[in-house]
Amino acid sequence: MPCPPSLLDPTPTDAPPLTIDVAVVGAGAAGAATAWHLARRGLSVTLLEQRSAGVVWRAAGPAPWADTGLSSGLAVRLWRQVEQATGAALLHVVDGVRQVRADQATAALTAAATAWGARLRHCDEVVAIDHSAGSALVRTHTITLSAARVVLTGAGPAALATDPAAPVVTVVTRGCFAVPALTAHPEIGLTDHSTRP
């Protein structure tokens, strides 16, 4: 399902950038989970994605993510919180293994993020990220955001990180049961597995 051409009205070119705390680029599971964690902490978050929601969720596919025995059980607790926030039944036990379907998980994480106030901009491709005096200017085809921090999730958005001085964090998290836990770092919404370009 392609994005309709007029889904988002462009901001006038002379409009000042919209100031936010965090821009999360890539609305797959890792991006949606990061936006959820940050929005729950009271930060203003915008979740940006070049594709439509249906395409993103279908790309995740129906394959289940299986619990690989996280000792803390943190992922299970966080999935339960997503279930509670969205009303979605996500956790299933199959042959004694806890599982979450990837497409349902991505949709539920997106719903949980928006329920906490994250703004969602599907069909709005990020075309540039520029460093600007301690923040980053995130430019799409329709808006410019001034963000204190940018989180790039997935392999595609990682290519946008060109300025090593910009406050940009890259996280490439392949689909896994622990996605909500892997994006729960208290300060930036990510674990220490993330890398700074």
N, C-alpha and C. Protein backbone atom coordinates (compact mmCIF):
# COMPACT_ATOMS: atom_id res chain seq x y z
N MET A 1 0.84 -1.16 0.00
CA MET A 1 0.00 0.00 0.00
C MET A 1 0.90 1.24 0.00
N PRO A 2 0.94 1.98 -1.11
CA PRO A 2 1.80 3.16 -1.16
C PRO A 2 1.21 4.30 -0.33
N CYS A 3 2.06 5.26 -0.01
CA CYS A 3 1.60 6.43 0.73
C CYS A 3 0.81 7.33 -0.21
N PRO A 4 -0.33 7.83 0.25
CA PRO A 4 -1.06 8.79 -0.59
C PRO A 4 -0.26 10.07 -0.72
N PRO A 5 -0.30 10.73 -1.87
CA PRO A 5 0.56 11.89 -2.09
C PRO A 5 0.24 13.08 -1.18
N SER A 6 -0.96 13.18 -0.67
CA SER A 6 -1.32 14.37 0.11
C SER A 6 -1.58 14.05 1.57
N LEU A 7 -0.99 12.97 2.08
CA LEU A 7 -1.27 12.57 3.46
C LEU A 7 -0.84 13.64 4.45
N LEU A 8 0.33 14.22 4.24
CA LEU A 8 0.83 15.24 5.15
C LEU A 8 1.00 16.56 4.40
N ASP A 9 0.42 17.60 4.95
CA ASP A 9 0.57 18.92 4.33
C ASP A 9 1.96 19.46 4.63
N PRO A 10 2.65 19.97 3.63
CA PRO A 10 3.98 20.52 3.89
C PRO A 10 3.90 21.78 4.75
N THR A 11 4.89 21.91 5.63
CA THR A 11 5.02 23.13 6.42
C THR A 11 5.53 24.23 5.51
N PRO A 12 5.02 25.47 5.65
CA PRO A 12 5.57 26.55 4.82
C PRO A 12 7.08 26.65 4.98
N THR A 13 7.77 26.93 3.88
CA THR A 13 9.23 26.92 3.90
C THR A 13 9.83 27.95 4.85
N ASP A 14 9.09 29.01 5.17
CA ASP A 14 9.63 30.02 6.09
C ASP A 14 9.24 29.75 7.55
N ALA A 15 8.58 28.65 7.82
CA ALA A 15 8.17 28.32 9.19
C ALA A 15 9.39 27.90 10.01
N PRO A 16 9.45 28.29 11.29
CA PRO A 16 10.57 27.86 12.13
C PRO A 16 10.48 26.36 12.40
N PRO A 17 11.61 25.71 12.70
CA PRO A 17 11.56 24.28 13.01
C PRO A 17 10.70 24.02 14.25
N LEU A 18 10.03 22.90 14.26
CA LEU A 18 9.28 22.46 15.44
C LEU A 18 10.29 21.87 16.42
N THR A 19 10.32 22.36 17.65
CA THR A 19 11.30 21.90 18.64
C THR A 19 10.73 20.73 19.44
N ILE A 20 11.51 19.64 19.49
CA ILE A 20 11.11 18.44 20.23
C ILE A 20 12.32 17.92 21.00
N ASP A 21 12.07 16.97 21.90
CA ASP A 21 13.18 16.36 22.63
C ASP A 21 13.91 15.33 21.78
N VAL A 22 13.14 14.40 21.16
CA VAL A 22 13.76 13.30 20.43
C VAL A 22 13.01 13.02 19.14
N ALA A 23 13.76 12.89 18.05
CA ALA A 23 13.21 12.39 16.79
C ALA A 23 13.68 10.95 16.64
N VAL A 24 12.74 10.04 16.47
CA VAL A 24 13.07 8.63 16.26
C VAL A 24 12.78 8.33 14.79
N VAL A 25 13.81 7.92 14.06
CA VAL A 25 13.68 7.69 12.63
C VAL A 25 13.61 6.19 12.39
N GLY A 26 12.51 5.74 11.83
CA GLY A 26 12.28 4.32 11.58
C GLY A 26 11.22 3.81 12.55
N ALA A 27 10.05 3.46 12.04
CA ALA A 27 8.92 3.09 12.89
C ALA A 27 8.70 1.58 12.94
N GLY A 28 9.77 0.81 12.77
CA GLY A 28 9.67 -0.62 13.01
C GLY A 28 9.59 -0.88 14.51
N ALA A 29 9.79 -2.11 14.91
CA ALA A 29 9.63 -2.47 16.32
C ALA A 29 10.59 -1.70 17.22
N ALA A 30 11.86 -1.59 16.84
CA ALA A 30 12.83 -0.90 17.69
C ALA A 30 12.50 0.58 17.80
N GLY A 31 12.11 1.20 16.70
CA GLY A 31 11.75 2.61 16.74
C GLY A 31 10.51 2.87 17.57
N ALA A 32 9.49 2.04 17.38
CA ALA A 32 8.25 2.21 18.15
C ALA A 32 8.49 1.97 19.63
N ALA A 33 9.30 0.96 19.97
CA ALA A 33 9.60 0.69 21.38
C ALA A 33 10.40 1.83 21.99
N THR A 34 11.35 2.38 21.25
CA THR A 34 12.13 3.52 21.75
C THR A 34 11.22 4.71 21.98
N ALA A 35 10.33 5.01 21.02
CA ALA A 35 9.41 6.13 21.18
C ALA A 35 8.50 5.92 22.39
N TRP A 36 8.07 4.69 22.62
CA TRP A 36 7.22 4.37 23.77
C TRP A 36 7.94 4.67 25.07
N HIS A 37 9.17 4.15 25.21
CA HIS A 37 9.93 4.38 26.44
C HIS A 37 10.16 5.87 26.69
N LEU A 38 10.53 6.60 25.66
CA LEU A 38 10.84 8.02 25.83
C LEU A 38 9.59 8.83 26.14
N ALA A 39 8.49 8.54 25.46
CA ALA A 39 7.24 9.26 25.71
C ALA A 39 6.74 9.00 27.13
N ARG A 40 6.93 7.77 27.62
CA ARG A 40 6.51 7.46 28.99
C ARG A 40 7.31 8.26 30.01
N ARG A 41 8.51 8.69 29.64
CA ARG A 41 9.33 9.52 30.53
C ARG A 41 9.00 10.99 30.42
N GLY A 42 8.00 11.32 29.62
CA GLY A 42 7.56 12.70 29.51
C GLY A 42 8.28 13.52 28.46
N LEU A 43 9.06 12.87 27.60
CA LEU A 43 9.75 13.60 26.54
C LEU A 43 8.83 13.80 25.34
N SER A 44 9.03 14.89 24.62
CA SER A 44 8.28 15.08 23.38
C SER A 44 9.01 14.32 22.28
N VAL A 45 8.30 13.38 21.66
CA VAL A 45 8.91 12.44 20.72
C VAL A 45 8.13 12.46 19.41
N THR A 46 8.84 12.48 18.31
CA THR A 46 8.22 12.31 17.00
C THR A 46 8.83 11.07 16.35
N LEU A 47 7.99 10.16 15.90
CA LEU A 47 8.39 8.92 15.26
C LEU A 47 8.18 9.08 13.76
N LEU A 48 9.28 9.02 13.01
CA LEU A 48 9.24 9.30 11.57
C LEU A 48 9.47 8.03 10.77
N GLU A 49 8.71 7.87 9.69
CA GLU A 49 8.82 6.67 8.85
C GLU A 49 8.46 7.05 7.42
N GLN A 50 9.27 6.59 6.47
CA GLN A 50 9.00 6.92 5.07
C GLN A 50 7.86 6.09 4.46
N ARG A 51 7.57 4.94 5.06
CA ARG A 51 6.54 4.07 4.50
C ARG A 51 5.24 4.19 5.29
N SER A 52 4.17 3.63 4.74
CA SER A 52 2.89 3.63 5.44
C SER A 52 2.92 2.61 6.58
N ALA A 53 2.03 2.77 7.54
CA ALA A 53 1.98 1.86 8.69
C ALA A 53 1.76 0.42 8.24
N GLY A 54 0.85 0.22 7.31
CA GLY A 54 0.57 -1.14 6.84
C GLY A 54 1.79 -1.82 6.25
N VAL A 55 2.58 -1.07 5.49
CA VAL A 55 3.79 -1.64 4.88
C VAL A 55 4.80 -1.99 5.97
N VAL A 56 4.96 -1.11 6.96
CA VAL A 56 5.91 -1.38 8.05
C VAL A 56 5.50 -2.64 8.80
N TRP A 57 4.23 -2.75 9.14
CA TRP A 57 3.79 -3.90 9.93
C TRP A 57 3.86 -5.20 9.12
N ARG A 58 3.50 -5.11 7.83
CA ARG A 58 3.61 -6.32 7.00
C ARG A 58 5.06 -6.74 6.83
N ALA A 59 5.97 -5.77 6.76
CA ALA A 59 7.39 -6.09 6.59
C ALA A 59 7.91 -6.87 7.80
N ALA A 60 7.34 -6.61 8.97
CA ALA A 60 7.77 -7.36 10.16
C ALA A 60 7.42 -8.84 10.00
N GLY A 61 6.31 -9.11 9.32
CA GLY A 61 5.91 -10.48 9.04
C GLY A 61 5.24 -11.17 10.22
N PRO A 62 4.58 -12.29 9.96
CA PRO A 62 3.86 -13.01 11.01
C PRO A 62 4.73 -13.95 11.84
N ALA A 63 6.01 -14.06 11.49
CA ALA A 63 6.87 -15.00 12.22
C ALA A 63 6.96 -14.59 13.69
N PRO A 64 6.94 -15.56 14.60
CA PRO A 64 7.01 -15.22 16.02
C PRO A 64 8.43 -14.97 16.48
N TRP A 65 8.58 -14.03 17.42
CA TRP A 65 9.83 -13.86 18.14
C TRP A 65 9.71 -14.70 19.39
N ALA A 66 10.70 -15.51 19.67
CA ALA A 66 10.64 -16.42 20.82
C ALA A 66 11.50 -15.93 21.97
N ASP A 67 11.01 -16.16 23.18
CA ASP A 67 11.77 -15.84 24.40
C ASP A 67 12.97 -16.77 24.46
N THR A 68 14.15 -16.19 24.42
CA THR A 68 15.37 -17.01 24.43
C THR A 68 15.93 -17.17 25.84
N GLY A 69 15.07 -17.01 26.84
CA GLY A 69 15.50 -17.26 28.21
C GLY A 69 16.17 -16.09 28.87
N LEU A 70 15.62 -14.88 28.69
CA LEU A 70 16.17 -13.72 29.39
C LEU A 70 16.06 -13.96 30.89
N SER A 71 17.17 -13.89 31.58
CA SER A 71 17.16 -14.23 32.99
C SER A 71 16.32 -13.28 33.82
N SER A 72 16.26 -12.01 33.46
CA SER A 72 15.54 -11.05 34.28
C SER A 72 14.04 -11.09 34.08
N GLY A 73 13.61 -11.59 32.97
CA GLY A 73 12.18 -11.56 32.66
C GLY A 73 11.70 -10.16 32.32
N LEU A 74 12.65 -9.22 32.12
CA LEU A 74 12.27 -7.84 31.83
C LEU A 74 11.43 -7.76 30.56
N ALA A 75 11.81 -8.47 29.53
CA ALA A 75 11.05 -8.40 28.28
C ALA A 75 9.61 -8.84 28.50
N VAL A 76 9.41 -9.89 29.28
CA VAL A 76 8.04 -10.38 29.54
C VAL A 76 7.24 -9.29 30.26
N ARG A 77 7.83 -8.66 31.27
CA ARG A 77 7.12 -7.60 32.00
C ARG A 77 6.78 -6.44 31.07
N LEU A 78 7.71 -6.08 30.18
CA LEU A 78 7.45 -4.97 29.29
C LEU A 78 6.39 -5.32 28.24
N TRP A 79 6.41 -6.56 27.75
CA TRP A 79 5.35 -6.97 26.81
C TRP A 79 4.00 -6.92 27.51
N ARG A 80 3.94 -7.30 28.78
CA ARG A 80 2.68 -7.23 29.54
C ARG A 80 2.22 -5.77 29.66
N GLN A 81 3.16 -4.85 29.83
CA GLN A 81 2.79 -3.44 29.89
C GLN A 81 2.23 -2.96 28.56
N VAL A 82 2.83 -3.42 27.45
CA VAL A 82 2.32 -3.05 26.13
C VAL A 82 0.92 -3.63 25.95
N GLU A 83 0.72 -4.86 26.37
CA GLU A 83 -0.62 -5.47 26.30
C GLU A 83 -1.63 -4.64 27.09
N GLN A 84 -1.24 -4.25 28.29
CA GLN A 84 -2.14 -3.49 29.15
C GLN A 84 -2.45 -2.12 28.53
N ALA A 85 -1.45 -1.49 27.94
CA ALA A 85 -1.64 -0.17 27.35
C ALA A 85 -2.50 -0.20 26.10
N THR A 86 -2.44 -1.30 25.35
CA THR A 86 -3.10 -1.34 24.05
C THR A 86 -4.31 -2.26 23.98
N GLY A 87 -4.44 -3.16 24.94
CA GLY A 87 -5.53 -4.14 24.89
C GLY A 87 -5.25 -5.28 23.93
N ALA A 88 -4.05 -5.33 23.39
CA ALA A 88 -3.67 -6.40 22.45
C ALA A 88 -3.18 -7.61 23.22
N ALA A 89 -3.57 -8.80 22.80
CA ALA A 89 -3.06 -10.04 23.38
C ALA A 89 -1.83 -10.44 22.57
N LEU A 90 -0.64 -10.22 23.13
CA LEU A 90 0.59 -10.42 22.39
C LEU A 90 1.35 -11.67 22.79
N LEU A 91 1.48 -11.90 24.08
CA LEU A 91 2.28 -13.04 24.57
C LEU A 91 1.50 -14.34 24.46
N HIS A 92 2.11 -15.30 23.80
CA HIS A 92 1.50 -16.62 23.66
C HIS A 92 2.56 -17.65 24.06
N VAL A 93 2.12 -18.75 24.62
CA VAL A 93 3.04 -19.84 24.98
C VAL A 93 2.79 -20.98 24.01
N VAL A 94 3.83 -21.35 23.28
CA VAL A 94 3.76 -22.44 22.32
C VAL A 94 4.84 -23.45 22.69
N ASP A 95 4.41 -24.67 23.04
CA ASP A 95 5.35 -25.72 23.46
C ASP A 95 6.28 -25.23 24.58
N GLY A 96 5.72 -24.48 25.51
CA GLY A 96 6.49 -24.01 26.65
C GLY A 96 7.37 -22.81 26.39
N VAL A 97 7.33 -22.24 25.18
CA VAL A 97 8.15 -21.09 24.83
C VAL A 97 7.25 -19.87 24.63
N ARG A 98 7.58 -18.78 25.29
CA ARG A 98 6.81 -17.55 25.11
C ARG A 98 7.16 -16.92 23.78
N GLN A 99 6.12 -16.49 23.06
CA GLN A 99 6.31 -15.91 21.73
C GLN A 99 5.45 -14.68 21.54
N VAL A 100 5.92 -13.81 20.66
CA VAL A 100 5.17 -12.63 20.23
C VAL A 100 5.29 -12.56 18.71
N ARG A 101 4.15 -12.40 18.03
CA ARG A 101 4.19 -12.27 16.57
C ARG A 101 4.75 -10.91 16.19
N ALA A 102 5.69 -10.90 15.25
CA ALA A 102 6.41 -9.67 14.90
C ALA A 102 5.49 -8.56 14.40
N ASP A 103 4.56 -8.87 13.51
CA ASP A 103 3.70 -7.81 12.97
C ASP A 103 2.78 -7.25 14.03
N GLN A 104 2.22 -8.12 14.88
CA GLN A 104 1.35 -7.64 15.95
C GLN A 104 2.15 -6.83 16.98
N ALA A 105 3.37 -7.27 17.24
CA ALA A 105 4.22 -6.58 18.20
C ALA A 105 4.54 -5.17 17.72
N THR A 106 4.89 -5.02 16.46
CA THR A 106 5.23 -3.71 15.92
C THR A 106 4.02 -2.79 15.95
N ALA A 107 2.86 -3.29 15.58
CA ALA A 107 1.63 -2.48 15.63
C ALA A 107 1.30 -2.07 17.06
N ALA A 108 1.42 -3.00 18.00
CA ALA A 108 1.09 -2.69 19.40
C ALA A 108 2.08 -1.70 20.01
N LEU A 109 3.37 -1.85 19.69
CA LEU A 109 4.36 -0.90 20.19
C LEU A 109 4.11 0.50 19.64
N THR A 110 3.69 0.59 18.39
CA THR A 110 3.35 1.88 17.80
C THR A 110 2.15 2.49 18.53
N ALA A 111 1.13 1.68 18.78
CA ALA A 111 -0.04 2.16 19.51
C ALA A 111 0.33 2.61 20.92
N ALA A 112 1.19 1.85 21.59
CA ALA A 112 1.61 2.20 22.94
C ALA A 112 2.37 3.52 22.94
N ALA A 113 3.23 3.73 21.94
CA ALA A 113 3.99 4.99 21.85
C ALA A 113 3.06 6.18 21.65
N THR A 114 2.11 6.05 20.74
CA THR A 114 1.21 7.16 20.47
C THR A 114 0.26 7.40 21.65
N ALA A 115 -0.08 6.35 22.38
CA ALA A 115 -0.93 6.52 23.56
C ALA A 115 -0.25 7.39 24.62
N TRP A 116 1.08 7.35 24.64
CA TRP A 116 1.84 8.16 25.60
C TRP A 116 2.23 9.52 25.01
N GLY A 117 1.72 9.84 23.83
CA GLY A 117 1.93 11.18 23.28
C GLY A 117 2.96 11.29 22.19
N ALA A 118 3.61 10.20 21.80
CA ALA A 118 4.55 10.29 20.68
C ALA A 118 3.76 10.63 19.42
N ARG A 119 4.29 11.55 18.64
CA ARG A 119 3.65 11.91 17.37
C ARG A 119 4.19 11.00 16.28
N LEU A 120 3.29 10.51 15.47
CA LEU A 120 3.65 9.55 14.43
C LEU A 120 3.51 10.21 13.07
N ARG A 121 4.58 10.11 12.28
CA ARG A 121 4.55 10.66 10.92
C ARG A 121 4.98 9.58 9.94
N HIS A 122 4.02 8.70 9.59
CA HIS A 122 4.27 7.74 8.52
C HIS A 122 4.23 8.50 7.20
N CYS A 123 4.84 7.95 6.19
CA CYS A 123 4.86 8.54 4.85
C CYS A 123 5.54 9.90 4.82
N ASP A 124 6.52 10.09 5.69
CA ASP A 124 7.26 11.37 5.73
C ASP A 124 8.75 11.05 5.84
N GLU A 125 9.38 10.87 4.72
CA GLU A 125 10.78 10.44 4.66
C GLU A 125 11.73 11.51 5.18
N VAL A 126 12.67 11.09 6.02
CA VAL A 126 13.73 11.99 6.46
C VAL A 126 14.76 12.08 5.33
N VAL A 127 15.04 13.31 4.92
CA VAL A 127 15.97 13.49 3.80
C VAL A 127 17.33 14.00 4.26
N ALA A 128 17.40 14.60 5.46
CA ALA A 128 18.69 15.09 5.95
C ALA A 128 18.63 15.30 7.46
N ILE A 129 19.79 15.11 8.09
CA ILE A 129 19.96 15.44 9.50
C ILE A 129 21.20 16.32 9.58
N ASP A 130 21.02 17.54 10.05
CA ASP A 130 22.11 18.51 10.13
C ASP A 130 22.38 18.87 11.58
N HIS A 131 23.66 19.03 11.91
CA HIS A 131 24.04 19.44 13.26
C HIS A 131 23.80 20.94 13.41
N SER A 132 23.20 21.34 14.55
CA SER A 132 22.91 22.75 14.75
C SER A 132 23.03 23.11 16.23
N ALA A 133 24.19 23.61 16.66
CA ALA A 133 24.40 24.14 18.01
C ALA A 133 23.84 23.26 19.11
N GLY A 134 24.34 22.04 19.22
CA GLY A 134 23.93 21.15 20.30
C GLY A 134 22.66 20.37 20.05
N SER A 135 22.01 20.62 18.93
CA SER A 135 20.82 19.85 18.58
C SER A 135 20.99 19.37 17.14
N ALA A 136 19.96 18.78 16.63
CA ALA A 136 20.00 18.31 15.24
C ALA A 136 18.76 18.81 14.53
N LEU A 137 18.94 19.25 13.29
CA LEU A 137 17.80 19.61 12.45
C LEU A 137 17.47 18.40 11.59
N VAL A 138 16.28 17.89 11.77
CA VAL A 138 15.82 16.71 11.03
C VAL A 138 14.85 17.22 9.97
N ARG A 139 15.23 17.03 8.71
CA ARG A 139 14.41 17.55 7.61
C ARG A 139 13.72 16.39 6.89
N THR A 140 12.41 16.56 6.70
CA THR A 140 11.64 15.62 5.88
C THR A 140 11.14 16.40 4.66
N HIS A 141 10.32 15.77 3.86
CA HIS A 141 9.74 16.47 2.72
C HIS A 141 8.71 17.50 3.16
N THR A 142 8.20 17.37 4.40
CA THR A 142 7.10 18.25 4.80
C THR A 142 7.36 19.08 6.05
N ILE A 143 8.42 18.81 6.81
CA ILE A 143 8.62 19.51 8.07
C ILE A 143 10.11 19.52 8.44
N THR A 144 10.50 20.49 9.26
CA THR A 144 11.83 20.50 9.86
C THR A 144 11.66 20.47 11.37
N LEU A 145 12.36 19.53 12.01
CA LEU A 145 12.31 19.37 13.45
C LEU A 145 13.66 19.74 14.04
N SER A 146 13.66 20.46 15.15
CA SER A 146 14.88 20.71 15.92
C SER A 146 14.82 19.78 17.12
N ALA A 147 15.69 18.77 17.15
CA ALA A 147 15.64 17.74 18.18
C ALA A 147 16.91 17.75 19.02
N ALA A 148 16.75 17.64 20.34
CA ALA A 148 17.91 17.54 21.22
C ALA A 148 18.69 16.27 20.95
N ARG A 149 17.99 15.23 20.52
CA ARG A 149 18.63 13.96 20.20
C ARG A 149 17.84 13.28 19.08
N VAL A 150 18.57 12.53 18.26
CA VAL A 150 17.96 11.75 17.19
C VAL A 150 18.35 10.30 17.40
N VAL A 151 17.38 9.41 17.28
CA VAL A 151 17.64 7.98 17.36
C VAL A 151 17.31 7.38 16.00
N LEU A 152 18.30 6.76 15.37
CA LEU A 152 18.11 6.10 14.08
C LEU A 152 17.94 4.61 14.34
N THR A 153 16.82 4.05 13.93
CA THR A 153 16.58 2.63 14.16
C THR A 153 16.47 1.90 12.83
N GLY A 154 17.12 0.78 12.75
CA GLY A 154 17.11 0.00 11.52
C GLY A 154 18.28 0.35 10.62
N ALA A 155 18.51 -0.48 9.65
CA ALA A 155 19.68 -0.32 8.78
C ALA A 155 19.55 0.86 7.84
N GLY A 156 18.34 1.14 7.32
CA GLY A 156 18.16 2.23 6.38
C GLY A 156 18.47 3.59 6.97
N PRO A 157 17.81 3.97 8.10
CA PRO A 157 18.09 5.28 8.67
C PRO A 157 19.54 5.49 9.11
N ALA A 158 20.26 4.41 9.40
CA ALA A 158 21.65 4.56 9.85
C ALA A 158 22.49 5.32 8.84
N ALA A 159 22.13 5.26 7.57
CA ALA A 159 22.89 5.95 6.53
C ALA A 159 22.75 7.47 6.63
N LEU A 160 21.78 7.96 7.41
CA LEU A 160 21.58 9.40 7.55
C LEU A 160 22.59 10.04 8.49
N ALA A 161 23.27 9.26 9.30
CA ALA A 161 24.21 9.79 10.29
C ALA A 161 25.52 10.16 9.60
N THR A 162 25.66 11.42 9.24
CA THR A 162 26.87 11.83 8.52
C THR A 162 27.77 12.74 9.35
N ASP A 163 27.22 13.43 10.34
CA ASP A 163 28.00 14.38 11.13
C ASP A 163 28.30 13.78 12.50
N PRO A 164 29.57 13.42 12.76
CA PRO A 164 29.90 12.77 14.04
C PRO A 164 29.66 13.67 15.25
N ALA A 165 29.53 14.97 15.06
CA ALA A 165 29.28 15.87 16.19
C ALA A 165 27.80 15.96 16.55
N ALA A 166 26.93 15.50 15.68
CA ALA A 166 25.50 15.60 15.92
C ALA A 166 25.07 14.65 17.05
N PRO A 167 24.05 15.03 17.81
CA PRO A 167 23.56 14.19 18.90
C PRO A 167 22.69 13.05 18.37
N VAL A 168 23.33 12.13 17.67
CA VAL A 168 22.61 11.05 16.99
C VAL A 168 23.07 9.71 17.54
N VAL A 169 22.12 8.85 17.84
CA VAL A 169 22.40 7.49 18.30
C VAL A 169 21.83 6.54 17.26
N THR A 170 22.58 5.51 16.91
CA THR A 170 22.12 4.52 15.94
C THR A 170 21.88 3.20 16.65
N VAL A 171 20.76 2.60 16.39
CA VAL A 171 20.48 1.27 16.93
C VAL A 171 19.95 0.41 15.79
N VAL A 172 20.62 -0.69 15.53
CA VAL A 172 20.17 -1.63 14.52
C VAL A 172 19.81 -2.91 15.26
N THR A 173 18.55 -3.06 15.54
CA THR A 173 18.07 -4.20 16.32
C THR A 173 17.24 -5.10 15.43
N ARG A 174 17.75 -6.26 15.17
CA ARG A 174 16.97 -7.23 14.40
C ARG A 174 15.81 -7.70 15.27
N GLY A 175 14.74 -8.11 14.63
CA GLY A 175 13.55 -8.53 15.37
C GLY A 175 13.87 -9.61 16.38
N CYS A 176 13.50 -9.36 17.62
CA CYS A 176 13.71 -10.35 18.66
C CYS A 176 12.72 -10.11 19.78
N PHE A 177 12.49 -11.11 20.57
CA PHE A 177 11.52 -11.05 21.66
C PHE A 177 11.83 -9.91 22.62
N ALA A 178 13.09 -9.58 22.79
CA ALA A 178 13.51 -8.62 23.81
C ALA A 178 13.48 -7.17 23.34
N VAL A 179 12.88 -6.86 22.20
CA VAL A 179 12.89 -5.49 21.68
C VAL A 179 12.49 -4.45 22.73
N PRO A 180 11.40 -4.61 23.48
CA PRO A 180 11.06 -3.56 24.45
C PRO A 180 12.14 -3.39 25.51
N ALA A 181 12.81 -4.45 25.90
CA ALA A 181 13.86 -4.35 26.92
C ALA A 181 15.13 -3.74 26.34
N LEU A 182 15.43 -4.04 25.09
CA LEU A 182 16.67 -3.54 24.48
C LEU A 182 16.63 -2.04 24.23
N THR A 183 15.45 -1.44 24.29
CA THR A 183 15.34 -0.01 24.01
C THR A 183 14.99 0.77 25.28
N ALA A 184 15.26 0.19 26.46
CA ALA A 184 14.78 0.79 27.71
C ALA A 184 15.83 1.51 28.53
N HIS A 185 16.96 1.89 27.95
CA HIS A 185 18.00 2.59 28.71
C HIS A 185 17.40 3.85 29.34
N PRO A 186 17.65 4.10 30.64
CA PRO A 186 16.97 5.21 31.32
C PRO A 186 17.29 6.60 30.79
N GLU A 187 18.45 6.82 30.20
CA GLU A 187 18.78 8.17 29.76
C GLU A 187 18.45 8.45 28.31
N ILE A 188 18.68 7.50 27.43
CA ILE A 188 18.48 7.79 26.01
C ILE A 188 17.53 6.82 25.34
N GLY A 189 16.96 5.89 26.10
CA GLY A 189 16.02 4.97 25.50
C GLY A 189 16.65 3.80 24.81
N LEU A 190 17.96 3.63 25.00
CA LEU A 190 18.67 2.55 24.34
C LEU A 190 19.60 1.88 25.32
N THR A 191 19.99 0.67 25.02
CA THR A 191 20.98 0.00 25.86
C THR A 191 22.37 0.39 25.41
N ASP A 192 23.35 -0.11 26.13
CA ASP A 192 24.74 0.16 25.75
C ASP A 192 25.15 -0.60 24.50
N HIS A 193 24.24 -1.42 23.92
CA HIS A 193 24.55 -2.09 22.67
C HIS A 193 24.50 -1.10 21.51
N SER A 194 23.93 0.08 21.74
CA SER A 194 23.86 1.07 20.68
C SER A 194 25.25 1.62 20.39
N THR A 195 25.38 2.21 19.23
CA THR A 195 26.66 2.80 18.87
C THR A 195 26.45 4.24 18.46
N ARG A 196 27.45 5.04 18.71
CA ARG A 196 27.40 6.42 18.25
C ARG A 196 28.26 6.52 17.00
N PRO A 197 27.73 7.09 15.92
CA PRO A 197 28.53 7.22 14.70
C PRO A 197 29.69 8.18 14.94
